[in-house]
Amino acid sequence: MSTYYDQVQEAVRAINAVDRPTVGVVLGSGLSAFVEQIDEPRVIPYRNIPNFPVSNVEGHKGDLVLGKIGAARIVVMSGRVHYYEGHAMSAVTFPIRVLAGLGIKTLLVTNAAGAVNEAFAPGDFMIITDHLNLVADNPLRGANDERFGVRFPDFTEAYAKTARDKLREAGQFARASVREGVYAFLPGPCYETPAEVRMLRTLGADAVGMSTVPEVIAARHMGITVAGLSVITNSAAGISKTTLSHDEVKEVAGRVQKPLRMMLARAVQSLA
């Protein structure tokens, strides 16, 4: 009977990345246009990779793309699976384990998020400085496999300062509206209530979403440097004057594609 580690290795072998990527990128809801910039792309649908989970959420394409941006060898996840879809944490983080097996040293995670900080506006980018895991689960819960990482990993700097500095420079290059702040992870799939948003603000969150944190935990467990970027696609409940919808998320994500593509292209070359 194959173990979780064996399943990860089977996926790595199936991908057969001859040129090992050094940077991995996870693209959030509606942010997949970045892959159009990749040179020498090799596209592998998730369904063709053994054991790889597949998302059923609109806006998450479900392709692994290997290639280059400038001189940087990268591997990009065009779409992710979410905890709210019913996946176990081990499935949500399985792709990150595979990216590590392919050779990445740095992971750039992106997401679409709601603004908790009232100074933020839809269309802003937020460099993630830290996170709040407000889900009663953790991908490291259970038996620890030392081949992935230590039992008690340190999270003093979950999002590396050096990586944040490079994201900031990339944002200036793209002339984007860049903020910095704390990302709160809630399970979803319903949007937060106004009371929950007030709670998040009290706890120190600047943005809220339904992804990213499990992936970051798995990446740091394996010693991978992490950079995180939220695209603020809406104001959270109680701040927004309108009801929240996934259509709004996709619309705003589509509107910021040009500066986002410039920023990510610059960032991955710098992070490499």
Protein backbone atom coordinates (compact mmCIF):
# COMPACT_ATOMS: atom_id res chain seq x y z
CA MET A 1 0.00 0.00 0.00
CA SER A 2 1.52 3.31 -1.08
CA THR A 3 2.07 6.05 1.48
CA TYR A 4 1.36 9.77 1.04
CA TYR A 5 5.08 10.29 0.39
CA ASP A 6 5.00 7.56 -2.27
CA GLN A 7 2.00 9.22 -3.95
CA VAL A 8 3.84 12.55 -4.09
CA GLN A 9 6.88 10.88 -5.63
CA GLU A 10 4.69 9.11 -8.20
CA ALA A 11 3.27 12.49 -9.28
CA VAL A 12 6.77 14.01 -9.47
CA ARG A 13 8.00 11.17 -11.67
CA ALA A 14 4.97 11.47 -13.98
CA ILE A 15 5.59 15.19 -14.51
CA ASN A 16 9.18 14.39 -15.46
CA ALA A 17 10.55 17.94 -15.29
CA VAL A 18 13.86 17.66 -17.12
CA ASP A 19 14.77 21.27 -16.29
CA ARG A 20 14.10 21.61 -12.58
CA PRO A 21 12.13 24.76 -11.73
CA THR A 22 13.39 27.00 -8.93
CA VAL A 23 10.21 29.05 -8.39
CA GLY A 24 6.66 27.78 -7.99
CA VAL A 25 3.62 30.01 -8.45
CA VAL A 26 0.05 29.33 -7.31
CA LEU A 27 -2.57 31.39 -9.16
CA GLY A 28 -5.80 32.21 -7.33
CA SER A 29 -9.34 32.85 -8.54
CA GLY A 30 -9.44 34.55 -11.92
CA LEU A 31 -5.68 35.13 -12.01
CA SER A 32 -4.67 32.49 -14.56
CA ALA A 33 -3.86 34.92 -17.41
CA PHE A 34 -0.29 35.09 -16.10
CA VAL A 35 0.48 31.78 -17.80
CA GLU A 36 0.24 33.50 -21.22
CA GLN A 37 3.62 35.11 -20.48
CA ILE A 38 5.46 31.85 -19.96
CA ASP A 39 8.06 30.96 -22.59
CA GLU A 40 8.42 27.36 -23.77
CA PRO A 41 5.29 26.31 -21.85
CA ARG A 42 4.57 22.68 -21.14
CA VAL A 43 0.96 22.32 -19.98
CA ILE A 44 -0.18 19.29 -18.00
CA PRO A 45 -3.83 19.08 -16.89
CA TYR A 46 -4.13 18.11 -13.24
CA ARG A 47 -6.32 15.16 -14.21
CA ASN A 48 -3.33 13.67 -16.06
CA ILE A 49 -1.09 13.71 -12.98
CA PRO A 50 -1.37 10.68 -10.67
CA ASN A 51 -3.00 11.46 -7.29
CA PHE A 52 -3.27 15.19 -8.09
CA PRO A 53 -6.49 16.82 -6.79
CA VAL A 54 -8.71 18.68 -9.27
CA SER A 55 -10.76 21.79 -8.44
CA ASN A 56 -14.38 22.18 -9.47
CA VAL A 57 -14.50 25.93 -8.75
CA GLU A 58 -15.12 28.36 -11.62
CA GLY A 59 -12.03 30.50 -12.27
CA HIS A 60 -9.60 27.70 -11.38
CA LYS A 61 -8.45 26.17 -14.66
CA GLY A 62 -6.60 23.12 -13.38
CA ASP A 63 -3.33 23.04 -15.32
CA LEU A 64 0.29 22.69 -14.26
CA VAL A 65 2.50 24.80 -16.52
CA LEU A 66 6.28 24.46 -16.68
CA GLY A 67 8.43 26.93 -18.56
CA LYS A 68 10.47 30.10 -18.30
CA ILE A 69 10.06 33.78 -17.51
CA GLY A 70 13.27 35.37 -18.70
CA ALA A 71 16.02 33.14 -17.35
CA ALA A 72 13.89 31.86 -14.47
CA ARG A 73 12.68 28.26 -14.62
CA ILE A 74 9.21 28.16 -13.09
CA VAL A 75 6.28 25.85 -12.48
CA VAL A 76 2.82 27.41 -12.22
CA MET A 77 -0.38 26.04 -10.76
CA SER A 78 -3.19 27.58 -12.79
CA GLY A 79 -5.89 27.01 -10.19
CA ARG A 80 -5.96 25.30 -6.80
CA VAL A 81 -8.20 23.07 -4.75
CA HIS A 82 -9.83 24.41 -1.60
CA TYR A 83 -10.61 23.05 1.83
CA TYR A 84 -14.26 24.11 1.39
CA GLU A 85 -14.65 21.77 -1.58
CA GLY A 86 -14.50 18.90 0.90
CA HIS A 87 -10.84 18.01 0.38
CA ALA A 88 -8.72 16.91 3.31
CA MET A 89 -5.78 19.16 4.20
CA SER A 90 -3.45 16.47 2.83
CA ALA A 91 -5.10 16.87 -0.60
CA VAL A 92 -5.11 20.69 -0.46
CA THR A 93 -1.36 20.67 0.16
CA PHE A 94 -0.49 17.71 -2.08
CA PRO A 95 0.37 19.97 -5.06
CA ILE A 96 2.82 21.96 -2.90
CA ARG A 97 4.55 18.75 -1.87
CA VAL A 98 4.84 17.89 -5.56
CA LEU A 99 6.28 21.31 -6.45
CA ALA A 100 8.90 20.80 -3.75
CA GLY A 101 9.69 17.40 -5.26
CA LEU A 102 10.20 19.09 -8.63
CA GLY A 103 12.91 21.23 -7.06
CA ILE A 104 11.45 24.65 -6.22
CA LYS A 105 13.24 26.72 -3.59
CA THR A 106 10.72 29.60 -3.51
CA LEU A 107 6.92 29.59 -3.65
CA LEU A 108 4.84 32.61 -4.67
CA VAL A 109 1.21 32.14 -3.63
CA THR A 110 -1.55 34.43 -4.89
CA ASN A 111 -5.22 34.69 -4.04
CA ALA A 112 -8.32 36.82 -4.42
CA ALA A 113 -9.25 38.29 -1.04
CA GLY A 114 -11.78 40.53 0.63
CA ALA A 115 -10.64 43.75 2.31
CA VAL A 116 -11.03 43.85 6.08
CA ASN A 117 -8.90 46.99 6.34
CA GLU A 118 -11.22 49.84 5.39
CA ALA A 119 -8.32 51.72 3.75
CA PHE A 120 -8.03 48.99 1.11
CA ALA A 121 -10.04 49.10 -2.12
CA PRO A 122 -10.91 46.56 -4.83
CA GLY A 123 -8.03 46.47 -7.29
CA ASP A 124 -5.33 46.94 -4.65
CA PHE A 125 -2.61 44.32 -4.21
CA MET A 126 -1.60 43.25 -0.69
CA ILE A 127 1.78 41.75 0.08
CA ILE A 128 1.10 39.22 2.82
CA THR A 129 3.26 39.89 5.88
CA ASP A 130 1.73 37.21 8.10
CA HIS A 131 -1.41 35.11 8.43
CA LEU A 132 -4.10 33.96 10.83
CA ASN A 133 -5.15 30.32 10.53
CA LEU A 134 -8.75 30.45 11.79
CA VAL A 135 -9.66 26.97 10.56
CA ALA A 136 -9.70 24.22 13.17
CA ASP A 137 -7.37 22.07 11.10
CA ASN A 138 -3.72 22.04 10.06
CA PRO A 139 -2.00 20.12 7.22
CA LEU A 140 0.72 19.01 9.65
CA ARG A 141 -1.75 17.36 12.02
CA GLY A 142 -1.14 13.64 12.43
CA ALA A 143 1.98 11.55 12.02
CA ASN A 144 4.97 13.53 10.74
CA ASP A 145 7.08 12.24 7.87
CA GLU A 146 10.61 13.49 8.48
CA ARG A 147 11.31 13.23 4.73
CA PHE A 148 9.10 16.30 4.35
CA GLY A 149 10.18 18.27 7.41
CA VAL A 150 10.53 18.47 11.17
CA ARG A 151 7.71 17.81 13.64
CA PHE A 152 7.62 21.39 14.98
CA PRO A 153 8.59 23.87 12.24
CA ASP A 154 9.24 27.50 13.15
CA PHE A 155 6.87 30.12 11.71
CA THR A 156 8.46 33.31 13.00
CA GLU A 157 8.86 34.42 9.39
CA ALA A 158 6.28 32.48 7.39
CA TYR A 159 6.57 35.05 4.59
CA ALA A 160 10.24 35.87 4.09
CA LYS A 161 11.22 39.52 4.44
CA THR A 162 13.62 39.22 1.50
CA ALA A 163 10.79 37.89 -0.65
CA ARG A 164 8.45 40.66 0.51
CA ASP A 165 11.06 43.24 -0.46
CA LYS A 166 11.25 41.77 -3.96
CA LEU A 167 7.46 41.79 -4.28
CA ARG A 168 7.40 45.43 -3.22
CA GLU A 169 9.96 46.34 -5.88
CA ALA A 170 7.98 44.38 -8.47
CA GLY A 171 4.85 46.30 -7.51
CA GLN A 172 6.65 49.60 -7.99
CA PHE A 173 7.88 48.41 -11.38
CA ALA A 174 4.29 47.56 -12.40
CA ARG A 175 2.99 50.87 -10.96
CA ALA A 176 0.44 48.90 -9.00
CA SER A 177 -1.39 50.02 -5.86
CA VAL A 178 0.43 47.85 -3.33
CA ARG A 179 -0.49 47.47 0.32
CA GLU A 180 0.89 45.19 3.01
CA GLY A 181 -0.96 43.29 5.68
CA VAL A 182 -2.14 40.16 7.46
CA TYR A 183 -4.25 37.54 5.66
CA ALA A 184 -6.92 35.63 7.59
CA PHE A 185 -7.89 32.13 6.46
CA LEU A 186 -11.48 31.02 7.04
CA PRO A 187 -13.00 27.80 5.70
CA GLY A 188 -15.79 29.20 3.49
CA PRO A 189 -17.52 28.70 1.16
CA CYS A 190 -19.96 31.31 2.50
CA TYR A 191 -18.63 34.84 2.74
CA GLU A 192 -18.07 36.26 6.21
CA THR A 193 -20.77 38.02 8.21
CA PRO A 194 -20.32 41.68 9.23
CA ALA A 195 -19.78 40.48 12.82
CA GLU A 196 -17.04 38.10 11.69
CA VAL A 197 -15.38 40.91 9.74
CA ARG A 198 -15.39 43.11 12.85
CA MET A 199 -13.83 40.20 14.75
CA LEU A 200 -11.13 39.82 12.08
CA ARG A 201 -10.32 43.52 12.27
CA THR A 202 -9.98 43.25 16.05
CA LEU A 203 -7.62 40.29 15.59
CA GLY A 204 -5.40 42.34 13.27
CA ALA A 205 -6.39 41.00 9.87
CA ASP A 206 -6.28 43.24 6.79
CA ALA A 207 -7.76 40.80 4.27
CA VAL A 208 -9.67 37.53 4.38
CA GLY A 209 -9.93 34.54 2.08
CA MET A 210 -10.50 30.81 1.80
CA SER A 211 -7.10 29.50 0.67
CA THR A 212 -3.32 29.95 0.78
CA VAL A 213 -2.53 29.30 4.44
CA PRO A 214 -2.46 25.47 4.21
CA GLU A 215 -0.16 25.75 1.18
CA VAL A 216 2.16 28.11 3.05
CA ILE A 217 2.27 25.81 6.06
CA ALA A 218 3.24 22.85 3.86
CA ALA A 219 5.86 24.88 1.99
CA ARG A 220 7.51 26.17 5.15
CA HIS A 221 7.43 22.65 6.61
CA MET A 222 9.70 21.68 3.71
CA GLY A 223 11.98 24.70 4.09
CA ILE A 224 10.71 26.54 1.02
CA THR A 225 10.90 30.35 1.02
CA VAL A 226 7.42 31.86 0.66
CA ALA A 227 6.08 35.10 -0.79
CA GLY A 228 2.36 35.85 -0.72
CA LEU A 229 0.21 38.28 -2.68
CA SER A 230 -3.52 38.97 -2.33
CA VAL A 231 -5.53 40.73 -5.01
CA ILE A 232 -8.21 42.69 -3.17
CA THR A 233 -11.31 41.91 -5.22
CA ASN A 234 -14.01 43.19 -2.88
CA SER A 235 -14.64 44.89 0.43
CA ALA A 236 -15.76 42.44 3.10
CA ALA A 237 -19.31 42.30 4.48
CA GLY A 238 -20.28 45.35 6.52
CA ILE A 239 -17.80 47.49 4.55
CA SER A 240 -19.18 46.84 1.09
CA LYS A 241 -22.49 48.55 0.31
CA THR A 242 -23.49 45.68 -1.99
CA THR A 243 -23.98 41.95 -1.55
CA LEU A 244 -20.90 39.81 -2.20
CA SER A 245 -20.60 37.48 -5.17
CA HIS A 246 -18.03 35.35 -6.98
CA ASP A 247 -18.86 37.29 -10.15
CA GLU A 248 -17.49 40.45 -8.51
CA VAL A 249 -14.32 38.60 -7.58
CA LYS A 250 -13.79 37.45 -11.18
CA GLU A 251 -14.62 40.89 -12.60
CA VAL A 252 -12.08 42.74 -10.44
CA ALA A 253 -9.46 40.01 -10.95
CA GLY A 254 -9.90 40.44 -14.71
CA ARG A 255 -9.54 44.20 -14.43
CA VAL A 256 -6.11 44.06 -12.76
CA GLN A 257 -4.58 41.45 -15.07
CA LYS A 258 -2.13 43.82 -16.77
CA PRO A 259 -0.37 45.17 -13.65
CA LEU A 260 -0.61 41.74 -12.02
CA ARG A 261 1.11 40.05 -14.94
CA MET A 262 3.86 42.67 -14.93
CA MET A 263 4.33 42.37 -11.19
CA LEU A 264 4.44 38.57 -11.15
CA ALA A 265 6.83 38.38 -14.11
CA ARG A 266 9.19 40.80 -12.41
CA ALA A 267 8.85 39.05 -9.06
CA VAL A 268 9.56 35.50 -10.25
CA GLN A 269 12.75 36.60 -12.01
CA SER A 270 13.89 38.38 -8.87
CA LEU A 271 12.89 35.50 -6.58
CA ALA A 272 14.73 33.01 -8.80
